Protein backbone atom coordinates (compact mmCIF):
# COMPACT_ATOMS: atom_id res chain seq x y z
CA MET A 1 4.21 -5.08 19.15
CA GLN A 2 5.95 -2.05 21.10
CA ASP A 3 3.85 1.03 21.66
CA LEU A 4 4.05 4.24 20.11
CA LYS A 5 6.10 5.88 22.53
CA THR A 6 9.40 3.29 22.26
CA LEU A 7 8.74 3.70 18.42
CA LEU A 8 8.87 7.15 18.27
CA THR A 9 12.56 7.66 17.96
CA GLU A 10 13.12 11.16 16.68
CA ASN A 11 12.62 14.30 18.65
CA GLU A 12 14.41 16.71 16.80
CA SER A 13 12.74 18.41 14.02
CA VAL A 14 14.01 18.56 10.57
CA TRP A 15 13.89 22.46 10.73
CA ASP A 16 15.87 22.12 14.12
CA ARG A 17 18.50 19.91 12.34
CA MET A 18 18.78 22.39 9.24
CA ARG A 19 19.15 25.49 11.19
CA THR A 20 22.00 23.85 13.47
CA CYS A 21 24.11 21.35 11.09
CA GLY A 22 26.74 24.12 10.59
CA LYS A 23 26.65 23.27 7.07
CA PRO A 24 25.54 24.41 3.90
CA ILE A 25 21.73 23.83 3.31
CA VAL A 26 21.13 23.23 -0.50
CA LEU A 27 17.57 22.64 -1.75
CA TYR A 28 16.86 19.88 -4.65
CA GLY A 29 13.97 21.16 -6.68
CA MET A 30 12.02 23.83 -8.10
CA GLY A 31 8.32 24.62 -7.68
CA ASP A 32 5.59 24.76 -5.11
CA GLY A 33 7.17 22.74 -2.86
CA ALA A 34 10.35 24.21 -3.07
CA GLN A 35 8.60 27.62 -2.44
CA LYS A 36 7.16 26.14 0.32
CA ILE A 37 10.34 25.26 2.66
CA LEU A 38 11.98 28.56 1.46
CA ASP A 39 9.11 30.18 3.27
CA VAL A 40 9.41 28.32 6.31
CA CYS A 41 13.12 29.02 6.02
CA LYS A 42 12.16 32.65 6.09
CA GLN A 43 10.13 32.32 9.07
CA LYS A 44 12.38 29.96 11.31
CA HIS A 45 15.96 31.53 9.70
CA ILE A 46 16.99 28.87 7.94
CA LYS A 47 19.62 30.59 5.32
CA ILE A 48 19.68 28.16 2.15
CA ALA A 49 23.16 28.37 0.28
CA ASP A 50 21.85 27.21 -3.12
CA ILE A 51 18.75 25.47 -5.31
CA PHE A 52 19.75 22.61 -8.06
CA ALA A 53 17.69 20.61 -10.18
CA SER A 54 18.95 17.48 -12.05
CA ASP A 55 21.69 18.13 -14.15
CA GLU A 56 18.82 17.38 -17.93
CA PHE A 57 16.68 20.13 -16.30
CA VAL A 58 19.45 22.76 -16.15
CA ARG A 59 19.20 25.21 -18.50
CA GLY A 60 20.55 28.74 -17.44
CA HIS A 61 17.59 29.48 -15.01
CA SER A 62 16.82 31.03 -11.84
CA PHE A 63 13.93 30.04 -9.36
CA ALA A 64 12.46 32.61 -6.48
CA GLY A 65 16.26 34.58 -7.19
CA TYR A 66 18.97 31.70 -7.20
CA LYS A 67 21.03 30.89 -9.89
CA ILE A 68 19.24 27.18 -10.58
CA LEU A 69 23.20 24.56 -10.67
CA LYS A 70 23.69 20.99 -11.53
CA TYR A 71 24.38 18.31 -8.81
CA SER A 72 27.53 18.17 -9.83
CA GLU A 73 27.97 21.67 -9.65
CA VAL A 74 27.32 21.97 -5.70
CA CYS A 75 29.95 18.95 -5.20
CA ALA A 76 32.30 20.95 -6.89
CA LYS A 77 31.66 24.39 -4.80
CA TYR A 78 31.20 22.30 -1.36
CA LYS A 79 33.05 19.69 0.43
CA ASP A 80 30.05 19.31 2.88
CA PHE A 81 26.85 20.40 2.18
CA MET A 82 22.84 19.39 3.84
CA VAL A 83 20.47 18.46 0.62
CA ALA A 84 16.75 18.83 1.42
CA VAL A 85 14.34 17.60 -1.37
CA SER A 86 11.74 19.96 -2.54
CA PHE A 87 9.48 18.33 -4.64
CA ALA A 88 7.37 14.87 -4.75
CA THR A 89 8.15 12.18 -6.88
CA GLN A 90 6.88 8.33 -7.25
CA LEU A 91 9.69 7.88 -10.46
CA ASN A 92 11.51 5.15 -9.56
CA ASP A 93 15.02 6.11 -11.49
CA VAL A 94 14.58 10.03 -9.61
CA LEU A 95 14.00 7.78 -6.23
CA ASP A 96 17.25 5.44 -7.23
CA ARG A 97 18.99 9.28 -7.58
CA ILE A 98 17.90 10.51 -4.51
CA TYR A 99 18.47 7.98 -2.16
CA LYS A 100 22.10 7.88 -3.84
CA ILE A 101 22.47 11.04 -3.02
CA ASP A 102 21.30 10.19 1.03
CA SER A 103 23.88 7.71 0.78
CA GLN A 104 26.57 10.44 -0.01
CA TYR A 105 25.63 13.54 1.75
CA GLU A 106 23.15 14.31 4.87
CA THR A 107 19.81 14.63 3.25
CA VAL A 108 16.59 15.21 4.23
CA ALA A 109 13.30 16.03 2.64
CA PRO A 110 11.09 18.44 5.27
CA ASP A 111 7.25 17.20 5.79
CA VAL A 112 5.25 20.65 4.40
CA PRO A 113 1.72 20.08 3.84
CA VAL A 114 -0.49 19.76 0.48
CA ILE A 115 -2.78 21.84 2.00
CA VAL A 116 -0.82 25.08 3.91
CA ASP A 117 -3.15 25.72 6.88
CA GLY A 118 0.26 27.80 8.91
CA THR A 119 1.00 24.98 11.01
CA LEU A 120 4.15 22.28 10.86
CA PHE A 121 3.92 18.85 12.14
CA ASP A 122 6.93 18.99 14.75
CA MET A 123 6.94 18.10 18.18
CA ASP A 124 4.73 20.68 19.46
CA TYR A 125 2.36 19.81 17.32
CA LEU A 126 3.14 15.79 18.08
CA HIS A 127 2.55 16.41 21.55
CA GLN A 128 -0.70 18.58 20.86
CA HIS A 129 -2.34 16.16 19.39
CA TRP A 130 -0.89 13.07 21.10
CA ASN A 131 -4.08 11.46 22.76
CA GLU A 132 -5.40 11.29 18.74
CA ILE A 133 -2.55 10.20 17.58
CA GLU A 134 -2.16 7.36 20.50
CA GLN A 135 -5.92 6.35 20.00
CA VAL A 136 -5.10 5.64 16.42
CA TYR A 137 -1.80 3.37 16.64
CA SER A 138 -4.42 1.47 18.96
CA LEU A 139 -6.93 1.19 16.29
CA LEU A 140 -4.90 -0.44 13.85
CA ALA A 141 -5.56 -3.74 12.57
CA ASP A 142 -2.07 -5.16 11.92
CA ASP A 143 1.45 -4.94 12.54
CA GLN A 144 2.39 -3.48 9.19
CA SER A 145 0.02 -0.95 9.94
CA LYS A 146 1.35 0.23 12.96
CA LYS A 147 5.25 0.42 11.94
CA VAL A 148 3.88 2.13 8.59
CA TYR A 149 2.10 4.73 11.49
CA ALA A 150 5.05 4.82 13.53
CA ASN A 151 7.72 5.49 10.20
CA ILE A 152 5.61 8.56 9.14
CA LEU A 153 5.45 9.98 12.12
CA ASN A 154 9.41 9.55 12.78
CA TYR A 155 9.67 10.84 8.88
CA LYS A 156 7.32 13.89 9.52
CA ILE A 157 9.34 15.00 12.64
CA SER A 158 13.12 14.51 10.95
CA GLY A 159 12.60 14.59 7.09
CA LYS A 160 15.13 11.62 7.27
CA LEU A 161 14.18 9.15 4.03
CA CYS A 162 14.57 6.08 5.84
CA TYR A 163 11.34 5.71 7.58
CA LEU A 164 9.50 5.99 4.27
CA LYS A 165 12.00 3.47 2.56
CA GLU A 166 11.29 0.93 5.28
CA CYS A 167 7.64 0.90 5.53
CA GLU A 168 6.72 0.79 1.55
CA THR A 169 3.86 -1.44 -0.14
CA SER A 170 3.40 -2.51 -3.38
CA VAL A 171 0.11 -1.52 -5.39
CA PHE A 172 -1.04 -5.15 -5.42
CA GLU A 173 -0.59 -5.76 -1.62
CA ALA A 174 -3.08 -2.97 -0.90
CA TYR A 175 -5.55 -4.39 -3.30
CA GLN A 176 -4.84 -7.79 -1.83
CA LEU A 177 -6.15 -6.43 1.52
CA LEU A 178 -9.19 -5.09 -0.16
CA ASN A 179 -10.39 -8.49 -1.55
CA LEU A 180 -12.28 -6.87 -4.53
CA GLY A 181 -14.63 -9.58 -5.98
CA LEU A 182 -16.07 -9.86 -9.61
CA ASN A 183 -19.78 -7.49 -8.35
CA GLU A 184 -18.30 -4.27 -6.98
CA ASP A 185 -20.23 -0.63 -7.43
CA TYR A 186 -17.21 1.47 -7.22
CA VAL A 187 -17.31 5.18 -5.78
CA ASP A 188 -14.28 6.85 -7.39
CA LEU A 189 -13.49 10.44 -5.69
CA GLY A 190 -10.85 12.23 -7.25
CA ALA A 191 -11.44 10.06 -10.46
CA TYR A 192 -8.33 12.26 -12.40
CA ARG A 193 -8.15 10.53 -16.04
CA GLY A 194 -9.41 7.50 -15.27
CA ASP A 195 -6.35 6.20 -13.82
CA THR A 196 -7.37 4.64 -10.70
CA ILE A 197 -10.69 3.37 -12.70
CA GLU A 198 -8.01 1.28 -14.97
CA GLU A 199 -6.52 0.07 -11.92
CA PHE A 200 -9.40 -1.15 -10.59
CA LEU A 201 -10.57 -3.04 -13.69
CA THR A 202 -7.09 -4.64 -13.57
CA HIS A 203 -7.69 -5.81 -9.94
CA THR A 204 -11.23 -7.13 -11.00
CA LYS A 205 -10.92 -8.13 -13.88
CA ARG A 206 -12.96 -5.89 -15.68
CA THR A 207 -15.68 -7.12 -14.05
CA TYR A 208 -18.15 -4.79 -11.78
CA GLN A 209 -21.46 -3.95 -11.38
CA SER A 210 -20.95 -0.04 -11.47
CA ILE A 211 -18.55 2.41 -11.34
CA THR A 212 -19.28 6.47 -10.05
CA ALA A 213 -16.42 9.17 -11.00
CA PHE A 214 -16.12 12.15 -9.50
CA GLU A 215 -14.09 14.82 -11.20
CA PRO A 216 -14.17 18.26 -10.45
CA ASP A 217 -11.57 19.79 -13.13
CA LYS A 218 -13.42 20.48 -16.31
CA LYS A 219 -10.40 19.62 -18.49
CA THR A 220 -9.13 16.54 -16.06
CA TYR A 221 -13.08 15.08 -16.64
CA SER A 222 -13.25 15.52 -20.22
CA LYS A 223 -10.27 13.42 -20.08
CA LEU A 224 -11.73 10.80 -18.06
CA VAL A 225 -14.88 10.84 -20.37
CA ASP A 226 -12.71 9.91 -23.20
CA LYS A 227 -10.93 7.06 -21.28
CA VAL A 228 -14.46 6.04 -19.78
CA LYS A 229 -15.02 5.66 -24.03
CA ALA A 230 -11.67 4.38 -24.86
CA LEU A 231 -12.02 1.79 -22.69
CA ASN A 232 -15.59 0.69 -23.46
CA LEU A 233 -17.24 0.79 -20.32
CA VAL A 234 -20.92 0.30 -19.31
CA ASN A 235 -22.27 1.46 -16.10
CA VAL A 236 -20.27 4.17 -15.61
CA GLN A 237 -21.47 7.35 -14.46
CA CYS A 238 -18.69 10.33 -14.63
CA HIS A 239 -19.60 13.40 -12.45
CA ASN A 240 -17.98 17.02 -13.04
CA LEU A 241 -17.84 17.65 -9.65
CA GLY A 242 -15.72 17.68 -6.25
CA ALA A 243 -17.01 15.58 -3.29
CA TRP A 244 -18.28 17.48 -0.50
CA SER A 245 -20.81 17.34 2.54
CA CYS A 246 -23.26 18.80 0.42
CA GLN A 247 -24.71 20.24 -2.48
CA THR A 248 -23.48 23.71 -3.01
CA GLU A 249 -20.36 25.68 -5.33
CA LEU A 250 -16.71 26.05 -3.26
CA ARG A 251 -14.47 29.12 -4.84
CA PHE A 252 -10.77 28.17 -5.36
CA ALA A 253 -8.12 30.02 -5.28
CA GLY A 254 -5.15 29.10 -7.69
CA LYS A 255 -4.71 25.90 -10.45
CA ALA A 256 -6.91 23.08 -10.66
CA GLY A 257 -5.29 20.12 -8.27
CA ARG A 258 -2.84 20.37 -6.04
CA ASN A 259 -1.99 23.95 -6.31
CA SER A 260 -5.88 24.64 -5.15
CA ALA A 261 -7.08 26.31 -2.24
CA LEU A 262 -10.28 27.16 -0.37
CA SER A 263 -10.73 30.88 -0.89
CA GLN A 264 -13.75 32.72 -0.44
CA ASN A 265 -12.20 35.43 -3.38
CA GLY A 266 -11.01 32.59 -5.14
CA ASN A 267 -11.31 32.56 -9.16
CA ARG A 268 -12.75 29.20 -9.88
CA VAL A 269 -16.23 28.25 -8.60
CA VAL A 270 -16.66 24.50 -8.80
CA PRO A 271 -19.75 22.47 -8.02
CA VAL A 272 -19.82 20.09 -5.49
CA ALA A 273 -21.66 17.64 -4.29
CA SER A 274 -22.10 14.28 -1.49
CA VAL A 275 -22.26 10.72 -2.29
CA ASP A 276 -25.25 10.10 -0.57
CA HIS A 277 -27.02 12.58 -2.79
CA ILE A 278 -25.61 11.39 -6.24
CA LEU A 279 -26.18 7.35 -4.89
CA SER A 280 -29.28 8.72 -3.51
CA GLY A 281 -29.59 4.95 -1.52
CA ASN A 282 -27.94 2.91 -3.95
CA ARG A 283 -25.19 0.58 -2.88
CA ALA A 284 -21.46 1.62 -3.05
CA SER A 285 -19.08 -1.68 -2.20
CA TYR A 286 -15.81 -0.04 -2.61
CA ILE A 287 -14.81 3.95 -2.71
CA LYS A 288 -11.77 5.38 -3.17
CA MET A 289 -11.31 8.74 -1.59
CA ASP A 290 -8.17 11.19 -2.79
CA VAL A 291 -9.88 14.87 -3.12
CA GLU A 292 -7.00 16.90 -2.67
CA GLY A 293 -7.76 17.92 1.31
CA ALA A 294 -11.34 17.74 1.08
CA GLU A 295 -11.49 14.26 2.95
CA CYS A 296 -13.20 15.05 5.86
CA GLU A 297 -16.22 16.59 4.46
CA ALA A 298 -16.26 13.89 1.23
CA LEU A 299 -16.94 11.22 4.42
CA LYS A 300 -19.31 13.52 5.99
CA GLY A 301 -21.08 13.09 2.70
CA CYS A 302 -21.19 9.09 2.83
CA GLU A 303 -22.28 8.38 6.07
CA ASN A 304 -25.66 7.36 5.12
CA THR A 305 -23.89 5.07 2.15
CA ILE A 306 -21.37 3.68 5.14
CA LYS A 307 -24.00 3.53 7.49
CA ARG A 308 -26.48 1.27 5.18
CA HIS A 309 -23.82 -0.57 2.80
CA GLN A 310 -20.52 -0.59 4.91
CA PRO A 311 -18.43 -0.11 1.43
CA LYS A 312 -14.97 -1.09 1.62
CA LEU A 313 -13.03 1.92 1.63
CA CYS A 314 -9.31 3.74 0.19
CA ILE A 315 -8.64 7.19 2.23
CA SER A 316 -5.90 9.81 1.10
CA VAL A 317 -4.34 10.77 4.77
CA TYR A 318 -1.73 12.95 3.29
CA HIS A 319 -2.77 16.08 2.17
CA ARG A 320 -3.00 17.97 5.75
CA ASN A 321 -0.98 17.49 8.67
CA GLU A 322 -4.44 16.33 10.98
CA ASP A 323 -4.94 13.49 8.09
CA ILE A 324 -2.79 10.69 9.13
CA PHE A 325 -4.87 10.67 12.63
CA SER A 326 -8.03 12.69 12.29
CA LEU A 327 -9.54 10.40 9.21
CA PRO A 328 -9.17 7.17 10.88
CA LEU A 329 -10.90 8.81 13.68
CA GLN A 330 -13.31 10.15 11.55
CA VAL A 331 -14.03 6.62 10.07
CA HIS A 332 -14.17 4.53 13.74
CA LYS A 333 -16.65 6.90 14.84
CA LEU A 334 -19.00 6.37 11.37
CA ASN A 335 -18.62 2.75 11.84
CA PRO A 336 -16.58 1.22 14.57
CA LEU A 337 -16.68 -2.32 13.18
CA TYR A 338 -14.11 -1.39 10.27
CA GLN A 339 -10.88 -3.02 10.76
CA LEU A 340 -8.46 0.11 9.49
CA TYR A 341 -5.26 -0.60 7.94
CA LEU A 342 -2.72 1.94 6.44
CA ARG A 343 -0.09 1.50 4.04
CA HIS A 344 2.53 3.69 2.14
CA PHE A 345 3.28 3.10 -1.21
CA SER A 346 6.83 3.94 -2.68
CA TYR A 347 6.91 8.15 -2.49
CA ILE A 348 8.97 11.27 -1.26
CA PRO A 349 7.59 12.65 0.52
CA ALA A 350 5.03 10.89 2.44
CA TRP A 351 2.56 11.30 -0.22
CA ASP A 352 0.22 8.03 -1.28
CA THR A 353 -0.04 7.13 2.05
CA ASN A 354 -3.44 5.43 2.72
CA LEU A 355 -6.23 3.90 5.20
CA TYR A 356 -7.70 1.30 4.14
CA CYS A 357 -11.29 0.32 6.21
CA ILE A 358 -12.37 -3.10 5.59
């Protein structure tokens, strides 16, 4: 496999390209992602000409002071233009629509972190963290992981969709890496409504030792408990907790899920605990971690469990700019014996990029 510098072919940030493209720039999509992109464009003096949505969602409404257009209206209004995708999707029909637009007009999906911290993954950021980034590349266990890593980095710099499409892996292939058995003690951090528990059951033929699930949001937790009951599962413990490095309470601002942000003045108090505390020395053989940007702290809260039982790990590495390199290094420091793999599922932007530690 080539060295990382050779594989990183992009050297113009998506924001520089948007500023200098010489074409009207139109956002595709509304909501939180669009607002984040608009905020960056304002800081960087990038003019957004219009915003459009999928035709079936256009109802004559407005967003951020823009009247929302149909795609057909944008095509009629401008001879040529650049599209900036400003929402996240894994739906096949929506992905197909985006890639079709990409074949007709220059299209990017600017990378803005799920957890906003005032930084962007641009060339300056890449150079600032180059030693860590290069170290992770050397630790990855197979060529597919290295391709995913290079492609995700190229995507983060350029916003070009081709890099995501070229490195996709199916969920089935990822589970082949995990090679789960029939006596797993599964810990699901960020269990949501039980969708990943169902996924786990599919790949273990509903045969396991135990399941321990964390879900911090009260309404979502209630649906998780209902799902466990509906599936008639045994040896399952559900906790209305967030995963953290210790047992405490945290304040969050905003709504649940991806719109949450840690804040001293937040309006929502969430109890959190460490895996080590909840398990109290009991075995974990597989830990899945998708905790909306708290992965670093959640990993700290798994230290004793990891050292004692060396569970297989699946960790989301896309919520924060640094996750793609800092989390693999954190795992490697905890246990250098882990083989590290990186996989990306079909998604725009680079969400559902996961680190597998075997």
